[in-house]
């Protein structure tokens, strides 16, 4: 039993900022990596940013320099700080995590998604 819940989406003007949060809860032993994906209408779901348990964060070229991913390991939370938002950033943003449960079963989990709309 693992849940990922996103929050922080909304409507913002071009050039604005939003902070997305994803909290994992349940029978978690370890979270190996946490990621943010997004999917715009009519487009495939794409990786936006990821942060492993070890190593440096990684970003899609389209968001480098504008988005920052971070995590609070103690709180099982990952944050996506989005700045200088563009209309093409409009999408449903999904939290994703690879998690080992207390039963030592590893799997990939998804949040329900949060809508980000960038429009004037």
PDB file of N, CA and C in Angstrom:
ATOM      1  N   UNK A   1       0.827  -1.186   0.000  1.00  0.00           N
ATOM      2  CA  UNK A   1       0.000   0.000   0.000  1.00  0.00           C
ATOM      3  C   UNK A   1       0.871   1.249   0.000  1.00  0.00           C
ATOM      4  N   UNK A   2       0.991   1.858  -1.154  1.00  0.00           N
ATOM      5  CA  UNK A   2       1.748   3.085  -1.321  1.00  0.00           C
ATOM      6  C   UNK A   2       0.906   4.057  -2.121  1.00  0.00           C
ATOM      7  N   UNK A   3       0.924   5.289  -1.699  1.00  0.00           N
ATOM      8  CA  UNK A   3       0.234   6.350  -2.415  1.00  0.00           C
ATOM      9  C   UNK A   3       1.177   7.514  -2.652  1.00  0.00           C
ATOM     10  N   UNK A   4       1.054   8.120  -3.818  1.00  0.00           N
ATOM     11  CA  UNK A   4       1.725   9.369  -4.133  1.00  0.00           C
ATOM     12  C   UNK A   4       0.652  10.412  -4.399  1.00  0.00           C
ATOM     13  N   UNK A   5       0.749  11.536  -3.735  1.00  0.00           N
ATOM     14  CA  UNK A   5      -0.249  12.585  -3.874  1.00  0.00           C
ATOM     15  C   UNK A   5       0.443  13.882  -4.247  1.00  0.00           C
ATOM     16  N   UNK A   6       0.070  14.422  -5.413  1.00  0.00           N
ATOM     17  CA  UNK A   6       0.619  15.691  -5.875  1.00  0.00           C
ATOM     18  C   UNK A   6      -0.262  16.846  -5.422  1.00  0.00           C
ATOM     19  N   UNK A   7       0.352  17.997  -5.313  1.00  0.00           N
ATOM     20  CA  UNK A   7      -0.382  19.215  -5.025  1.00  0.00           C
ATOM     21  C   UNK A   7       0.401  20.397  -5.570  1.00  0.00           C
ATOM     22  N   UNK A   8      -0.266  21.518  -5.713  1.00  0.00           N
ATOM     23  CA  UNK A   8       0.395  22.745  -6.101  1.00  0.00           C
ATOM     24  C   UNK A   8       0.133  23.222  -7.508  1.00  0.00           C
ATOM     25  N   UNK A   9      -0.579  22.438  -8.299  1.00  0.00           N
ATOM     26  CA  UNK A   9      -0.876  22.864  -9.648  1.00  0.00           C
ATOM     27  C   UNK A   9      -1.871  24.006  -9.672  1.00  0.00           C
ATOM     28  N   UNK A  10      -2.024  24.595 -10.839  1.00  0.00           N
ATOM     29  CA  UNK A  10      -2.956  25.690 -10.978  1.00  0.00           C
ATOM     30  C   UNK A  10      -2.719  26.467 -12.243  1.00  0.00           C
ATOM     31  N   UNK A  11      -3.323  27.636 -12.298  1.00  0.00           N
ATOM     32  CA  UNK A  11      -3.215  28.536 -13.440  1.00  0.00           C
ATOM     33  C   UNK A  11      -2.219  29.636 -13.124  1.00  0.00           C
ATOM     34  N   UNK A  12      -1.296  29.859 -14.037  1.00  0.00           N
ATOM     35  CA  UNK A  12      -0.283  30.881 -13.846  1.00  0.00           C
ATOM     36  C   UNK A  12      -0.010  31.566 -15.180  1.00  0.00           C
ATOM     37  N   UNK A  13       0.353  32.831 -15.118  1.00  0.00           N
ATOM     38  CA  UNK A  13       0.690  33.564 -16.329  1.00  0.00           C
ATOM     39  C   UNK A  13       2.080  33.192 -16.826  1.00  0.00           C
ATOM     40  N   UNK A  14       2.323  33.333 -18.125  1.00  0.00           N
ATOM     41  CA  UNK A  14       3.683  33.110 -18.628  1.00  0.00           C
ATOM     42  C   UNK A  14       4.698  33.942 -17.856  1.00  0.00           C
ATOM     43  N   UNK A  15       5.814  33.312 -17.542  1.00  0.00           N
ATOM     44  CA  UNK A  15       6.838  33.953 -16.739  1.00  0.00           C
ATOM     45  C   UNK A  15       6.673  33.752 -15.251  1.00  0.00           C
ATOM     46  N   UNK A  16       5.558  33.210 -14.854  1.00  0.00           N
ATOM     47  CA  UNK A  16       5.287  32.995 -13.448  1.00  0.00           C
ATOM     48  C   UNK A  16       5.922  31.729 -12.910  1.00  0.00           C
ATOM     49  N   UNK A  17       5.598  31.439 -11.664  1.00  0.00           N
ATOM     50  CA  UNK A  17       6.185  30.299 -10.974  1.00  0.00           C
ATOM     51  C   UNK A  17       5.115  29.482 -10.271  1.00  0.00           C
ATOM     52  N   UNK A  18       5.394  28.217 -10.129  1.00  0.00           N
ATOM     53  CA  UNK A  18       4.577  27.308  -9.346  1.00  0.00           C
ATOM     54  C   UNK A  18       5.483  26.325  -8.637  1.00  0.00           C
ATOM     55  N   UNK A  19       5.017  25.852  -7.516  1.00  0.00           N
ATOM     56  CA  UNK A  19       5.743  24.855  -6.746  1.00  0.00           C
ATOM     57  C   UNK A  19       4.868  23.626  -6.588  1.00  0.00           C
ATOM     58  N   UNK A  20       5.297  22.536  -7.186  1.00  0.00           N
ATOM     59  CA  UNK A  20       4.589  21.277  -7.072  1.00  0.00           C
ATOM     60  C   UNK A  20       5.212  20.424  -5.979  1.00  0.00           C
ATOM     61  N   UNK A  21       4.361  19.736  -5.268  1.00  0.00           N
ATOM     62  CA  UNK A  21       4.813  18.862  -4.202  1.00  0.00           C
ATOM     63  C   UNK A  21       4.198  17.485  -4.381  1.00  0.00           C
ATOM     64  N   UNK A  22       4.954  16.476  -4.037  1.00  0.00           N
ATOM     65  CA  UNK A  22       4.472  15.100  -4.073  1.00  0.00           C
ATOM     66  C   UNK A  22       4.914  14.406  -2.801  1.00  0.00           C
ATOM     67  N   UNK A  23       3.963  13.883  -2.078  1.00  0.00           N
ATOM     68  CA  UNK A  23       4.238  13.173  -0.841  1.00  0.00           C
ATOM     69  C   UNK A  23       3.879  11.702  -0.994  1.00  0.00           C
ATOM     70  N   UNK A  24       4.810  10.858  -0.663  1.00  0.00           N
ATOM     71  CA  UNK A  24       4.589   9.416  -0.681  1.00  0.00           C
ATOM     72  C   UNK A  24       4.251   8.934   0.717  1.00  0.00           C
ATOM     73  N   UNK A  25       3.320   8.020   0.791  1.00  0.00           N
ATOM     74  CA  UNK A  25       2.934   7.473   2.081  1.00  0.00           C
ATOM     75  C   UNK A  25       2.573   6.010   1.921  1.00  0.00           C
ATOM     76  N   UNK A  26       2.563   5.309   3.028  1.00  0.00           N
ATOM     77  CA  UNK A  26       2.213   3.907   3.020  1.00  0.00           C
ATOM     78  C   UNK A  26       3.324   3.051   3.589  1.00  0.00           C
ATOM     79  N   UNK A  27       3.327   1.807   3.183  1.00  0.00           N
ATOM     80  CA  UNK A  27       4.262   0.826   3.721  1.00  0.00           C
ATOM     81  C   UNK A  27       5.603   0.907   3.002  1.00  0.00           C
ATOM     82  N   UNK A  28       6.285   2.004   3.206  1.00  0.00           N
ATOM     83  CA  UNK A  28       7.519   2.303   2.491  1.00  0.00           C
ATOM     84  C   UNK A  28       8.731   1.912   3.320  1.00  0.00           C
ATOM     85  N   UNK A  29       9.606   1.171   2.683  1.00  0.00           N
ATOM     86  CA  UNK A  29      10.902   0.882   3.266  1.00  0.00           C
ATOM     87  C   UNK A  29      11.959   1.856   2.759  1.00  0.00           C
ATOM     88  N   UNK A  30      11.975   2.063   1.457  1.00  0.00           N
ATOM     89  CA  UNK A  30      12.947   2.954   0.855  1.00  0.00           C
ATOM     90  C   UNK A  30      12.405   3.480  -0.468  1.00  0.00           C
ATOM     91  N   UNK A  31      12.689   4.739  -0.737  1.00  0.00           N
ATOM     92  CA  UNK A  31      12.398   5.333  -2.029  1.00  0.00           C
ATOM     93  C   UNK A  31      13.715   5.518  -2.767  1.00  0.00           C
ATOM     94  N   UNK A  32      13.853   4.824  -3.879  1.00  0.00           N
ATOM     95  CA  UNK A  32      15.110   4.872  -4.617  1.00  0.00           C
ATOM     96  C   UNK A  32      15.251   6.137  -5.445  1.00  0.00           C
ATOM     97  N   UNK A  33      14.188   6.509  -6.101  1.00  0.00           N
ATOM     98  CA  UNK A  33      14.219   7.689  -6.950  1.00  0.00           C
ATOM     99  C   UNK A  33      12.825   8.284  -7.025  1.00  0.00           C
ATOM    100  N   UNK A  34      12.774   9.576  -7.225  1.00  0.00           N
ATOM    101  CA  UNK A  34      11.507  10.251  -7.426  1.00  0.00           C
ATOM    102  C   UNK A  34      11.620  11.120  -8.672  1.00  0.00           C
ATOM    103  N   UNK A  35      10.558  11.143  -9.432  1.00  0.00           N
ATOM    104  CA  UNK A  35      10.569  11.816 -10.722  1.00  0.00           C
ATOM    105  C   UNK A  35       9.284  12.609 -10.925  1.00  0.00           C
ATOM    106  N   UNK A  36       9.381  13.569 -11.812  1.00  0.00           N
ATOM    107  CA  UNK A  36       8.218  14.274 -12.306  1.00  0.00           C
ATOM    108  C   UNK A  36       8.091  14.051 -13.802  1.00  0.00           C
ATOM    109  N   UNK A  37       6.912  13.650 -14.224  1.00  0.00           N
ATOM    110  CA  UNK A  37       6.554  13.536 -15.623  1.00  0.00           C
ATOM    111  C   UNK A  37       5.448  14.536 -15.924  1.00  0.00           C
ATOM    112  N   UNK A  38       5.237  14.776 -17.199  1.00  0.00           N
ATOM    113  CA  UNK A  38       4.102  15.586 -17.593  1.00  0.00           C
ATOM    114  C   UNK A  38       3.535  15.071 -18.903  1.00  0.00           C
ATOM    115  N   UNK A  39       2.265  15.334 -19.098  1.00  0.00           N
ATOM    116  CA  UNK A  39       1.594  14.924 -20.313  1.00  0.00           C
ATOM    117  C   UNK A  39       0.613  16.008 -20.732  1.00  0.00           C
ATOM    118  N   UNK A  40       0.860  16.561 -21.900  1.00  0.00           N
ATOM    119  CA  UNK A  40      -0.033  17.544 -22.477  1.00  0.00           C
ATOM    120  C   UNK A  40      -1.060  16.835 -23.348  1.00  0.00           C
ATOM    121  N   UNK A  41      -2.211  17.461 -23.569  1.00  0.00           N
ATOM    122  CA  UNK A  41      -3.235  16.837 -24.414  1.00  0.00           C
ATOM    123  C   UNK A  41      -2.682  16.460 -25.784  1.00  0.00           C
ATOM    124  N   UNK A  42      -2.931  15.231 -26.184  1.00  0.00           N
ATOM    125  CA  UNK A  42      -2.495  14.759 -27.478  1.00  0.00           C
ATOM    126  C   UNK A  42      -1.021  14.428 -27.587  1.00  0.00           C
ATOM    127  N   UNK A  43      -0.300  14.491 -26.485  1.00  0.00           N
ATOM    128  CA  UNK A  43       1.124  14.211 -26.497  1.00  0.00           C
ATOM    129  C   UNK A  43       1.448  13.064 -25.548  1.00  0.00           C
ATOM    130  N   UNK A  44       2.613  12.474 -25.757  1.00  0.00           N
ATOM    131  CA  UNK A  44       3.043  11.383 -24.898  1.00  0.00           C
ATOM    132  C   UNK A  44       3.523  11.934 -23.561  1.00  0.00           C
ATOM    133  N   UNK A  45       3.483  11.083 -22.564  1.00  0.00           N
ATOM    134  CA  UNK A  45       4.013  11.459 -21.265  1.00  0.00           C
ATOM    135  C   UNK A  45       5.536  11.508 -21.333  1.00  0.00           C
ATOM    136  N   UNK A  46       6.110  12.566 -20.788  1.00  0.00           N
ATOM    137  CA  UNK A  46       7.548  12.749 -20.866  1.00  0.00           C
ATOM    138  C   UNK A  46       8.142  13.016 -19.492  1.00  0.00           C
ATOM    139  N   UNK A  47       9.368  12.606 -19.334  1.00  0.00           N
ATOM    140  CA  UNK A  47      10.096  12.863 -18.097  1.00  0.00           C
ATOM    141  C   UNK A  47      10.520  14.317 -18.055  1.00  0.00           C
ATOM    142  N   UNK A  48      10.201  14.979 -16.965  1.00  0.00           N
ATOM    143  CA  UNK A  48      10.567  16.373 -16.765  1.00  0.00           C
ATOM    144  C   UNK A  48      11.833  16.491 -15.932  1.00  0.00           C
ATOM    145  N   UNK A  49      11.864  15.805 -14.817  1.00  0.00           N
ATOM    146  CA  UNK A  49      12.999  15.863 -13.909  1.00  0.00           C
ATOM    147  C   UNK A  49      12.988  14.646 -13.010  1.00  0.00           C
ATOM    148  N   UNK A  50      14.165  14.260 -12.574  1.00  0.00           N
ATOM    149  CA  UNK A  50      14.281  13.143 -11.664  1.00  0.00           C
ATOM    150  C   UNK A  50      15.383  13.386 -10.662  1.00  0.00           C
ATOM    151  N   UNK A  51      15.221  12.796  -9.499  1.00  0.00           N
ATOM    152  CA  UNK A  51      16.247  12.906  -8.468  1.00  0.00           C
ATOM    153  C   UNK A  51      16.414  11.544  -7.817  1.00  0.00           C
ATOM    154  N   UNK A  52      17.583  10.943  -7.962  1.00  0.00           N
ATOM    155  CA  UNK A  52      17.827   9.628  -7.375  1.00  0.00           C
ATOM    156  C   UNK A  52      18.179   9.737  -5.901  1.00  0.00           C
ATOM    157  N   UNK A  53      18.219   8.590  -5.247  1.00  0.00           N
ATOM    158  CA  UNK A  53      18.635   8.595  -3.846  1.00  0.00           C
ATOM    159  C   UNK A  53      20.093   8.991  -3.713  1.00  0.00           C
ATOM    160  N   UNK A  54      20.882   8.638  -4.711  1.00  0.00           N
ATOM    161  CA  UNK A  54      22.276   9.039  -4.793  1.00  0.00           C
ATOM    162  C   UNK A  54      22.525   9.654  -6.155  1.00  0.00           C
ATOM    163  N   UNK A  55      23.350  10.662  -6.184  1.00  0.00           N
ATOM    164  CA  UNK A  55      23.658  11.304  -7.437  1.00  0.00           C
ATOM    165  C   UNK A  55      22.921  12.621  -7.614  1.00  0.00           C
ATOM    166  N   UNK A  56      23.108  13.198  -8.778  1.00  0.00           N
ATOM    167  CA  UNK A  56      22.582  14.520  -9.067  1.00  0.00           C
ATOM    168  C   UNK A  56      21.234  14.451  -9.756  1.00  0.00           C
ATOM    169  N   UNK A  57      20.425  15.493  -9.594  1.00  0.00           N
ATOM    170  CA  UNK A  57      19.166  15.565 -10.328  1.00  0.00           C
ATOM    171  C   UNK A  57      19.411  15.662 -11.822  1.00  0.00           C
ATOM    172  N   UNK A  58      18.408  15.276 -12.578  1.00  0.00           N
ATOM    173  CA  UNK A  58      18.482  15.393 -14.024  1.00  0.00           C
ATOM    174  C   UNK A  58      17.211  16.048 -14.537  1.00  0.00           C
ATOM    175  N   UNK A  59      17.336  16.722 -15.677  1.00  0.00           N
ATOM    176  CA  UNK A  59      16.236  17.503 -16.219  1.00  0.00           C
ATOM    177  C   UNK A  59      16.122  17.303 -17.718  1.00  0.00           C
ATOM    178  N   UNK A  60      14.904  17.401 -18.194  1.00  0.00           N
ATOM    179  CA  UNK A  60      14.700  17.486 -19.625  1.00  0.00           C
ATOM    180  C   UNK A  60      15.297  18.787 -20.145  1.00  0.00           C
ATOM    181  N   UNK A  61      15.801  18.752 -21.363  1.00  0.00           N
ATOM    182  CA  UNK A  61      16.409  19.949 -21.935  1.00  0.00           C
ATOM    183  C   UNK A  61      15.444  21.128 -21.953  1.00  0.00           C
ATOM    184  N   UNK A  62      14.175  20.852 -22.123  1.00  0.00           N
ATOM    185  CA  UNK A  62      13.195  21.908 -22.250  1.00  0.00           C
ATOM    186  C   UNK A  62      12.967  22.690 -20.958  1.00  0.00           C
ATOM    187  N   UNK A  63      13.399  22.143 -19.826  1.00  0.00           N
ATOM    188  CA  UNK A  63      13.152  22.811 -18.552  1.00  0.00           C
ATOM    189  C   UNK A  63      14.430  23.175 -17.816  1.00  0.00           C
ATOM    190  N   UNK A  64      15.572  22.826 -18.353  1.00  0.00           N
ATOM    191  CA  UNK A  64      16.828  23.137 -17.693  1.00  0.00           C
ATOM    192  C   UNK A  64      16.973  24.642 -17.480  1.00  0.00           C
ATOM    193  N   UNK A  65      17.395  24.996 -16.290  1.00  0.00           N
ATOM    194  CA  UNK A  65      17.555  26.397 -15.946  1.00  0.00           C
ATOM    195  C   UNK A  65      16.297  27.057 -15.446  1.00  0.00           C
ATOM    196  N   UNK A  66      15.163  26.402 -15.598  1.00  0.00           N
ATOM    197  CA  UNK A  66      13.891  26.970 -15.167  1.00  0.00           C
ATOM    198  C   UNK A  66      13.246  26.172 -14.030  1.00  0.00           C
ATOM    199  N   UNK A  67      13.436  24.872 -14.042  1.00  0.00           N
ATOM    200  CA  UNK A  67      12.844  24.006 -13.026  1.00  0.00           C
ATOM    201  C   UNK A  67      13.931  23.481 -12.099  1.00  0.00           C
ATOM    202  N   UNK A  68      13.560  23.270 -10.858  1.00  0.00           N
ATOM    203  CA  UNK A  68      14.463  22.680  -9.885  1.00  0.00           C
ATOM    204  C   UNK A  68      13.729  21.584  -9.121  1.00  0.00           C
ATOM    205  N   UNK A  69      14.322  20.406  -9.099  1.00  0.00           N
ATOM    206  CA  UNK A  69      13.751  19.303  -8.342  1.00  0.00           C
ATOM    207  C   UNK A  69      14.558  19.113  -7.063  1.00  0.00           C
ATOM    208  N   UNK A  70      13.863  18.827  -5.996  1.00  0.00           N
ATOM    209  CA  UNK A  70      14.508  18.577  -4.717  1.00  0.00           C
ATOM    210  C   UNK A  70      13.676  17.570  -3.941  1.00  0.00           C
ATOM    211  N   UNK A  71      14.258  17.025  -2.898  1.00  0.00           N
ATOM    212  CA  UNK A  71      13.514  16.062  -2.109  1.00  0.00           C
ATOM    213  C   UNK A  71      13.834  16.205  -0.632  1.00  0.00           C
ATOM    214  N   UNK A  72      12.856  15.867   0.159  1.00  0.00           N
ATOM    215  CA  UNK A  72      13.015  15.776   1.592  1.00  0.00           C
ATOM    216  C   UNK A  72      12.848  14.308   1.929  1.00  0.00           C
ATOM    217  N   UNK A  73      13.964  13.629   2.075  1.00  0.00           N
ATOM    218  CA  UNK A  73      13.936  12.189   2.256  1.00  0.00           C
ATOM    219  C   UNK A  73      13.179  11.780   3.514  1.00  0.00           C
ATOM    220  N   UNK A  74      13.370  12.523   4.581  1.00  0.00           N
ATOM    221  CA  UNK A  74      12.718  12.197   5.841  1.00  0.00           C
ATOM    222  C   UNK A  74      11.202  12.269   5.732  1.00  0.00           C
ATOM    223  N   UNK A  75      10.705  13.137   4.867  1.00  0.00           N
ATOM    224  CA  UNK A  75       9.268  13.307   4.698  1.00  0.00           C
ATOM    225  C   UNK A  75       8.728  12.603   3.465  1.00  0.00           C
ATOM    226  N   UNK A  76       9.571  11.860   2.770  1.00  0.00           N
ATOM    227  CA  UNK A  76       9.172  11.145   1.557  1.00  0.00           C
ATOM    228  C   UNK A  76       8.493  12.083   0.562  1.00  0.00           C
ATOM    229  N   UNK A  77       9.084  13.235   0.386  1.00  0.00           N
ATOM    230  CA  UNK A  77       8.489  14.272  -0.436  1.00  0.00           C
ATOM    231  C   UNK A  77       9.463  14.738  -1.506  1.00  0.00           C
ATOM    232  N   UNK A  78       8.940  14.988  -2.691  1.00  0.00           N
ATOM    233  CA  UNK A  78       9.721  15.567  -3.769  1.00  0.00           C
ATOM    234  C   UNK A  78       9.036  16.853  -4.217  1.00  0.00           C
ATOM    235  N   UNK A  79       9.846  17.854  -4.520  1.00  0.00           N
ATOM    236  CA  UNK A  79       9.359  19.164  -4.903  1.00  0.00           C
ATOM    237  C   UNK A  79       9.835  19.485  -6.313  1.00  0.00           C
ATOM    238  N   UNK A  80       8.970  20.094  -7.079  1.00  0.00           N
ATOM    239  CA  UNK A  80       9.358  20.650  -8.371  1.00  0.00           C
ATOM    240  C   UNK A  80       9.053  22.131  -8.352  1.00  0.00           C
ATOM    241  N   UNK A  81      10.093  22.934  -8.265  1.00  0.00           N
ATOM    242  CA  UNK A  81       9.956  24.377  -8.323  1.00  0.00           C
ATOM    243  C   UNK A  81      10.068  24.806  -9.776  1.00  0.00           C
ATOM    244  N   UNK A  82       9.018  25.401 -10.291  1.00  0.00           N
ATOM    245  CA  UNK A  82       8.955  25.786 -11.689  1.00  0.00           C
ATOM    246  C   UNK A  82       8.930  27.299 -11.793  1.00  0.00           C
ATOM    247  N   UNK A  83       9.849  27.838 -12.561  1.00  0.00           N
ATOM    248  CA  UNK A  83       9.950  29.268 -12.768  1.00  0.00           C
ATOM    249  C   UNK A  83       9.998  29.564 -14.255  1.00  0.00           C
ATOM    250  N   UNK A  84       9.790  30.826 -14.588  1.00  0.00           N
ATOM    251  CA  UNK A  84       9.799  31.257 -15.987  1.00  0.00           C
ATOM    252  C   UNK A  84       8.927  30.359 -16.846  1.00  0.00           C
ATOM    253  N   UNK A  85       7.737  30.113 -16.369  1.00  0.00           N
ATOM    254  CA  UNK A  85       6.853  29.165 -17.038  1.00  0.00           C
ATOM    255  C   UNK A  85       6.414  29.678 -18.402  1.00  0.00           C
ATOM    256  N   UNK A  86       6.278  28.745 -19.316  1.00  0.00           N
ATOM    257  CA  UNK A  86       5.873  29.024 -20.684  1.00  0.00           C
ATOM    258  C   UNK A  86       4.568  28.303 -20.988  1.00  0.00           C
ATOM    259  N   UNK A  87       3.815  28.786 -21.960  1.00  0.00           N
ATOM    260  CA  UNK A  87       2.582  28.083 -22.327  1.00  0.00           C
ATOM    261  C   UNK A  87       2.814  26.616 -22.674  1.00  0.00           C
ATOM    262  N   UNK A  88       3.946  26.304 -23.263  1.00  0.00           N
ATOM    263  CA  UNK A  88       4.230  24.924 -23.614  1.00  0.00           C
ATOM    264  C   UNK A  88       4.497  24.032 -22.406  1.00  0.00           C
ATOM    265  N   UNK A  89       4.594  24.622 -21.222  1.00  0.00           N
ATOM    266  CA  UNK A  89       4.694  23.835 -19.996  1.00  0.00           C
ATOM    267  C   UNK A  89       3.336  23.331 -19.527  1.00  0.00           C
ATOM    268  N   UNK A  90       2.276  23.786 -20.154  1.00  0.00           N
ATOM    269  CA  UNK A  90       0.937  23.361 -19.772  1.00  0.00           C
ATOM    270  C   UNK A  90       0.787  21.857 -19.949  1.00  0.00           C
ATOM    271  N   UNK A  91       0.398  21.185 -18.890  1.00  0.00           N
ATOM    272  CA  UNK A  91       0.265  19.733 -18.907  1.00  0.00           C
ATOM    273  C   UNK A  91      -0.254  19.268 -17.562  1.00  0.00           C
ATOM    274  N   UNK A  92      -0.606  18.007 -17.511  1.00  0.00           N
ATOM    275  CA  UNK A  92      -0.820  17.350 -16.232  1.00  0.00           C
ATOM    276  C   UNK A  92       0.528  16.813 -15.771  1.00  0.00           C
ATOM    277  N   UNK A  93       0.907  17.176 -14.579  1.00  0.00           N
ATOM    278  CA  UNK A  93       2.187  16.759 -14.031  1.00  0.00           C
ATOM    279  C   UNK A  93       1.975  15.606 -13.062  1.00  0.00           C
ATOM    280  N   UNK A  94       2.753  14.557 -13.258  1.00  0.00           N
ATOM    281  CA  UNK A  94       2.623  13.341 -12.471  1.00  0.00           C
ATOM    282  C   UNK A  94       3.886  13.072 -11.673  1.00  0.00           C
ATOM    283  N   UNK A  95       3.697  12.738 -10.435  1.00  0.00           N
ATOM    284  CA  UNK A  95       4.786  12.267  -9.600  1.00  0.00           C
ATOM    285  C   UNK A  95       4.985  10.771  -9.817  1.00  0.00           C
ATOM    286  N   UNK A  96       6.217  10.368  -9.833  1.00  0.00           N
ATOM    287  CA  UNK A  96       6.577   8.976 -10.049  1.00  0.00           C
ATOM    288  C   UNK A  96       7.704   8.616  -9.091  1.00  0.00           C
ATOM    289  N   UNK A  97       7.644   7.415  -8.540  1.00  0.00           N
ATOM    290  CA  UNK A  97       8.688   6.990  -7.624  1.00  0.00           C
ATOM    291  C   UNK A  97       8.884   5.492  -7.697  1.00  0.00           C
ATOM    292  N   UNK A  98      10.126   5.088  -7.591  1.00  0.00           N
ATOM    293  CA  UNK A  98      10.457   3.680  -7.475  1.00  0.00           C
ATOM    294  C   UNK A  98      10.678   3.395  -5.998  1.00  0.00           C
ATOM    295  N   UNK A  99       9.881   2.489  -5.451  1.00  0.00           N
ATOM    296  CA  UNK A  99       9.791   2.313  -4.009  1.00  0.00           C
ATOM    297  C   UNK A  99       9.905   0.847  -3.629  1.00  0.00           C
ATOM    298  N   UNK A 100      10.653   0.611  -2.572  1.00  0.00           N
ATOM    299  CA  UNK A 100      10.662  -0.695  -1.948  1.00  0.00           C
ATOM    300  C   UNK A 100       9.768  -0.624  -0.710  1.00  0.00           C
ATOM    301  N   UNK A 101       8.831  -1.544  -0.617  1.00  0.00           N
ATOM    302  CA  UNK A 101       7.919  -1.563   0.514  1.00  0.00           C
ATOM    303  C   UNK A 101       8.541  -2.293   1.691  1.00  0.00           C
ATOM    304  N   UNK A 102       7.826  -2.282   2.796  1.00  0.00           N
ATOM    305  CA  UNK A 102       8.328  -2.976   3.980  1.00  0.00           C
ATOM    306  C   UNK A 102       8.375  -4.483   3.779  1.00  0.00           C
ATOM    307  N   UNK A 103       7.679  -4.976   2.774  1.00  0.00           N
ATOM    308  CA  UNK A 103       7.760  -6.384   2.409  1.00  0.00           C
ATOM    309  C   UNK A 103       8.866  -6.637   1.394  1.00  0.00           C
ATOM    310  N   UNK A 104       9.640  -5.616   1.098  1.00  0.00           N
ATOM    311  CA  UNK A 104      10.782  -5.686   0.193  1.00  0.00           C
ATOM    312  C   UNK A 104      10.370  -6.031  -1.233  1.00  0.00           C
ATOM    313  N   UNK A 105       9.229  -5.546  -1.613  1.00  0.00           N
ATOM    314  CA  UNK A 105       8.771  -5.630  -2.979  1.00  0.00           C
ATOM    315  C   UNK A 105       8.936  -4.267  -3.639  1.00  0.00           C
ATOM    316  N   UNK A 106       9.701  -4.225  -4.704  1.00  0.00           N
ATOM    317  CA  UNK A 106       9.961  -2.966  -5.391  1.00  0.00           C
ATOM    318  C   UNK A 106       9.003  -2.789  -6.556  1.00  0.00           C
ATOM    319  N   UNK A 107       8.563  -1.559  -6.737  1.00  0.00           N
ATOM    320  CA  UNK A 107       7.648  -1.260  -7.817  1.00  0.00           C
ATOM    321  C   UNK A 107       7.696   0.234  -8.106  1.00  0.00           C
ATOM    322  N   UNK A 108       7.117   0.598  -9.220  1.00  0.00           N
ATOM    323  CA  UNK A 108       6.996   1.989  -9.607  1.00  0.00           C
ATOM    324  C   UNK A 108       5.571   2.457  -9.344  1.00  0.00           C
ATOM    325  N   UNK A 109       5.449   3.615  -8.728  1.00  0.00           N
ATOM    326  CA  UNK A 109       4.152   4.158  -8.357  1.00  0.00           C
ATOM    327  C   UNK A 109       3.953   5.521  -8.996  1.00  0.00           C
ATOM    328  N   UNK A 110       2.701   5.835  -9.231  1.00  0.00           N
ATOM    329  CA  UNK A 110       2.318   7.096  -9.854  1.00  0.00           C
ATOM    330  C   UNK A 110       1.304   7.834  -9.011  1.00  0.00           C
ATOM    331  N   UNK A 111       1.427   9.137  -9.008  1.00  0.00           N
ATOM    332  CA  UNK A 111       0.397   9.965  -8.421  1.00  0.00           C
ATOM    333  C   UNK A 111      -0.757  10.165  -9.386  1.00  0.00           C
ATOM    334  N   UNK A 112      -1.772  10.853  -8.928  1.00  0.00           N
ATOM    335  CA  UNK A 112      -2.971  11.050  -9.740  1.00  0.00           C
ATOM    336  C   UNK A 112      -2.830  12.180 -10.748  1.00  0.00           C
ATOM    337  N   UNK A 113      -1.822  12.995 -10.585  1.00  0.00           N
ATOM    338  CA  UNK A 113      -1.580  14.103 -11.483  1.00  0.00           C
ATOM    339  C   UNK A 113      -2.154  15.408 -10.970  1.00  0.00           C
ATOM    340  N   UNK A 114      -1.496  16.490 -11.319  1.00  0.00           N
ATOM    341  CA  UNK A 114      -1.984  17.821 -10.989  1.00  0.00           C
ATOM    342  C   UNK A 114      -1.842  18.706 -12.220  1.00  0.00           C
ATOM    343  N   UNK A 115      -2.881  19.455 -12.514  1.00  0.00           N
ATOM    344  CA  UNK A 115      -2.930  20.258 -13.730  1.00  0.00           C
ATOM    345  C   UNK A 115      -2.144  21.550 -13.560  1.00  0.00           C
ATOM    346  N   UNK A 116      -1.285  21.818 -14.520  1.00  0.00           N
ATOM    347  CA  UNK A 116      -0.576  23.090 -14.603  1.00  0.00           C
ATOM    348  C   UNK A 116      -0.970  23.752 -15.915  1.00  0.00           C
ATOM    349  N   UNK A 117      -1.506  24.941 -15.825  1.00  0.00           N
ATOM    350  CA  UNK A 117      -1.908  25.687 -17.008  1.00  0.00           C
ATOM    351  C   UNK A 117      -1.191  27.023 -17.018  1.00  0.00           C
ATOM    352  N   UNK A 118      -0.458  27.284 -18.080  1.00  0.00           N
ATOM    353  CA  UNK A 118       0.279  28.531 -18.239  1.00  0.00           C
ATOM    354  C   UNK A 118      -0.380  29.307 -19.365  1.00  0.00           C
ATOM    355  N   UNK A 119      -1.038  30.369 -19.007  1.00  0.00           N
ATOM    356  CA  UNK A 119      -1.796  31.134 -19.989  1.00  0.00           C
ATOM    357  C   UNK A 119      -1.980  32.559 -19.498  1.00  0.00           C
ATOM    358  N   UNK A 120      -2.000  33.481 -20.440  1.00  0.00           N
ATOM    359  CA  UNK A 120      -2.262  34.871 -20.117  1.00  0.00           C
ATOM    360  C   UNK A 120      -3.747  35.189 -20.173  1.00  0.00           C
TER     361      UNK A 120
END
